[in-house]
Amino acid sequence: MKKITLQDIIRINRKLSREEEIAQHGRPVPHRKVHASKKVYNRKKRKADLNKELPYFFPELPT
């Protein structure tokens, strides 16, 4: 007969908590993801945004 240890109880509790969280939010919620501030300068993102617009970014010429 196998005894239920404290680690087993913690593991079961975490799993149930995670399933409940997914049921509430509809998806897993990341707890360790760092939230980047919108105010921080991010050169990589700005360059990517510029490259998306390049082929279509032509100023209109006066006729």
N, C-alpha and C. Protein backbone atom coordinates (compact mmCIF):
# COMPACT_ATOMS: atom_id res chain seq x y z
N MET A 1 0.84 -1.17 0.00
CA MET A 1 0.00 0.00 0.00
C MET A 1 0.89 1.25 0.00
N LYS A 2 0.58 2.18 -0.89
CA LYS A 2 1.37 3.39 -1.01
C LYS A 2 0.77 4.50 -0.16
N LYS A 3 1.63 5.19 0.58
CA LYS A 3 1.17 6.30 1.40
C LYS A 3 1.18 7.58 0.57
N ILE A 4 0.25 8.44 0.89
CA ILE A 4 0.20 9.74 0.23
C ILE A 4 1.11 10.67 1.01
N THR A 5 2.12 11.18 0.34
CA THR A 5 3.10 12.05 0.99
C THR A 5 2.69 13.52 0.82
N LEU A 6 3.41 14.38 1.49
CA LEU A 6 3.16 15.81 1.40
C LEU A 6 3.39 16.31 -0.03
N GLN A 7 4.40 15.76 -0.71
CA GLN A 7 4.68 16.15 -2.10
C GLN A 7 3.52 15.77 -3.02
N ASP A 8 2.91 14.61 -2.77
CA ASP A 8 1.76 14.19 -3.57
C ASP A 8 0.59 15.17 -3.39
N ILE A 9 0.37 15.59 -2.16
CA ILE A 9 -0.72 16.52 -1.87
C ILE A 9 -0.47 17.86 -2.57
N ILE A 10 0.77 18.34 -2.51
CA ILE A 10 1.11 19.60 -3.16
C ILE A 10 0.94 19.49 -4.67
N ARG A 11 1.39 18.39 -5.26
CA ARG A 11 1.28 18.17 -6.70
C ARG A 11 -0.19 18.14 -7.14
N ILE A 12 -1.02 17.45 -6.40
CA ILE A 12 -2.45 17.36 -6.72
C ILE A 12 -3.11 18.74 -6.60
N ASN A 13 -2.74 19.47 -5.54
CA ASN A 13 -3.30 20.80 -5.33
C ASN A 13 -2.93 21.76 -6.46
N ARG A 14 -1.68 21.71 -6.92
CA ARG A 14 -1.24 22.56 -8.03
C ARG A 14 -2.00 22.24 -9.31
N LYS A 15 -2.17 20.95 -9.56
CA LYS A 15 -2.86 20.53 -10.79
C LYS A 15 -4.31 20.99 -10.78
N LEU A 16 -4.98 20.84 -9.65
CA LEU A 16 -6.38 21.28 -9.55
C LEU A 16 -6.49 22.80 -9.68
N SER A 17 -5.54 23.51 -9.06
CA SER A 17 -5.55 24.97 -9.15
C SER A 17 -5.36 25.42 -10.60
N ARG A 18 -4.46 24.76 -11.31
CA ARG A 18 -4.19 25.11 -12.71
C ARG A 18 -5.41 24.84 -13.58
N GLU A 19 -6.06 23.71 -13.36
CA GLU A 19 -7.26 23.38 -14.15
C GLU A 19 -8.39 24.37 -13.87
N GLU A 20 -8.52 24.80 -12.62
CA GLU A 20 -9.54 25.79 -12.26
C GLU A 20 -9.25 27.14 -12.92
N GLU A 21 -7.97 27.51 -12.95
CA GLU A 21 -7.56 28.76 -13.58
C GLU A 21 -7.87 28.74 -15.09
N ILE A 22 -7.59 27.62 -15.74
CA ILE A 22 -7.89 27.48 -17.17
C ILE A 22 -9.39 27.55 -17.41
N ALA A 23 -10.17 26.98 -16.51
CA ALA A 23 -11.63 27.03 -16.65
C ALA A 23 -12.13 28.47 -16.50
N GLN A 24 -11.53 29.26 -15.62
CA GLN A 24 -11.95 30.64 -15.40
C GLN A 24 -11.57 31.55 -16.57
N HIS A 25 -10.32 31.44 -17.04
CA HIS A 25 -9.80 32.36 -18.05
C HIS A 25 -9.88 31.83 -19.47
N GLY A 26 -10.11 30.55 -19.63
CA GLY A 26 -10.19 29.97 -20.96
C GLY A 26 -8.84 29.60 -21.55
N ARG A 27 -7.76 29.91 -20.85
CA ARG A 27 -6.42 29.59 -21.31
C ARG A 27 -5.48 29.62 -20.11
N PRO A 28 -4.31 29.00 -20.22
CA PRO A 28 -3.35 29.09 -19.12
C PRO A 28 -2.83 30.52 -18.97
N VAL A 29 -2.73 30.99 -17.74
CA VAL A 29 -2.24 32.34 -17.47
C VAL A 29 -0.78 32.23 -17.06
N PRO A 30 0.12 32.91 -17.77
CA PRO A 30 1.53 32.83 -17.40
C PRO A 30 1.82 33.65 -16.14
N HIS A 31 2.45 33.02 -15.16
CA HIS A 31 2.75 33.71 -13.90
C HIS A 31 4.18 34.23 -13.86
N ARG A 32 5.05 33.72 -14.72
CA ARG A 32 6.45 34.12 -14.67
C ARG A 32 6.84 35.02 -15.84
N LYS A 33 5.90 35.35 -16.69
CA LYS A 33 6.19 36.19 -17.84
C LYS A 33 6.37 37.64 -17.38
N VAL A 34 7.41 38.28 -17.86
CA VAL A 34 7.69 39.65 -17.48
C VAL A 34 6.88 40.58 -18.37
N HIS A 35 6.20 41.53 -17.76
CA HIS A 35 5.39 42.48 -18.50
C HIS A 35 6.28 43.66 -18.90
N ALA A 36 6.45 43.85 -20.20
CA ALA A 36 7.29 44.94 -20.68
C ALA A 36 6.47 46.23 -20.69
N SER A 37 7.06 47.30 -20.21
CA SER A 37 6.40 48.60 -20.19
C SER A 37 6.33 49.15 -21.60
N LYS A 38 5.23 49.83 -21.93
CA LYS A 38 5.09 50.43 -23.25
C LYS A 38 5.98 51.67 -23.39
N LYS A 39 6.39 52.23 -22.27
CA LYS A 39 7.20 53.45 -22.30
C LYS A 39 8.67 53.17 -22.59
N VAL A 40 9.10 51.93 -22.43
CA VAL A 40 10.50 51.59 -22.63
C VAL A 40 10.80 51.55 -24.13
N TYR A 41 11.92 52.14 -24.53
CA TYR A 41 12.34 52.16 -25.92
C TYR A 41 12.74 50.75 -26.33
N ASN A 42 12.15 50.25 -27.40
CA ASN A 42 12.44 48.91 -27.88
C ASN A 42 12.81 49.00 -29.35
N ARG A 43 14.10 49.08 -29.63
CA ARG A 43 14.58 49.27 -31.00
C ARG A 43 14.17 48.12 -31.91
N LYS A 44 14.24 46.90 -31.41
CA LYS A 44 13.92 45.74 -32.23
C LYS A 44 12.47 45.79 -32.71
N LYS A 45 11.56 46.14 -31.82
CA LYS A 45 10.14 46.20 -32.19
C LYS A 45 9.89 47.35 -33.17
N ARG A 46 10.51 48.50 -32.94
CA ARG A 46 10.32 49.65 -33.84
C ARG A 46 10.83 49.34 -35.25
N LYS A 47 11.98 48.67 -35.34
CA LYS A 47 12.52 48.32 -36.64
C LYS A 47 11.60 47.32 -37.35
N ALA A 48 11.02 46.39 -36.61
CA ALA A 48 10.10 45.42 -37.19
C ALA A 48 8.85 46.12 -37.71
N ASP A 49 8.37 47.12 -36.96
CA ASP A 49 7.20 47.87 -37.40
C ASP A 49 7.50 48.66 -38.67
N LEU A 50 8.69 49.22 -38.76
CA LEU A 50 9.06 49.96 -39.97
C LEU A 50 9.14 49.05 -41.18
N ASN A 51 9.70 47.87 -41.00
CA ASN A 51 9.85 46.94 -42.12
C ASN A 51 8.51 46.42 -42.62
N LYS A 52 7.51 46.40 -41.76
CA LYS A 52 6.18 45.97 -42.19
C LYS A 52 5.58 46.99 -43.15
N GLU A 53 5.88 48.27 -42.94
CA GLU A 53 5.26 49.34 -43.73
C GLU A 53 6.05 49.69 -44.98
N LEU A 54 7.29 49.25 -45.09
CA LEU A 54 8.16 49.72 -46.16
C LEU A 54 7.60 49.57 -47.58
N PRO A 55 7.15 48.41 -48.00
CA PRO A 55 6.73 48.32 -49.40
C PRO A 55 5.52 49.20 -49.72
N TYR A 56 4.73 49.54 -48.74
CA TYR A 56 3.51 50.28 -48.99
C TYR A 56 3.61 51.74 -48.56
N PHE A 57 4.75 52.14 -48.07
CA PHE A 57 4.89 53.49 -47.57
C PHE A 57 5.46 54.39 -48.66
N PHE A 58 4.61 54.92 -49.50
CA PHE A 58 5.02 55.88 -50.52
C PHE A 58 4.22 57.14 -50.32
N PRO A 59 4.87 58.27 -50.13
CA PRO A 59 4.09 59.51 -49.96
C PRO A 59 3.40 59.86 -51.28
N GLU A 60 2.23 60.42 -51.18
CA GLU A 60 1.50 60.79 -52.38
C GLU A 60 2.13 62.04 -52.99
N LEU A 61 2.35 62.01 -54.27
CA LEU A 61 2.94 63.14 -54.97
C LEU A 61 1.84 64.10 -55.42
N PRO A 62 2.06 65.38 -55.32
CA PRO A 62 1.05 66.34 -55.79
C PRO A 62 0.96 66.29 -57.32
N THR A 63 -0.24 66.28 -57.82
CA THR A 63 -0.41 66.22 -59.29
C THR A 63 -0.94 67.51 -59.85
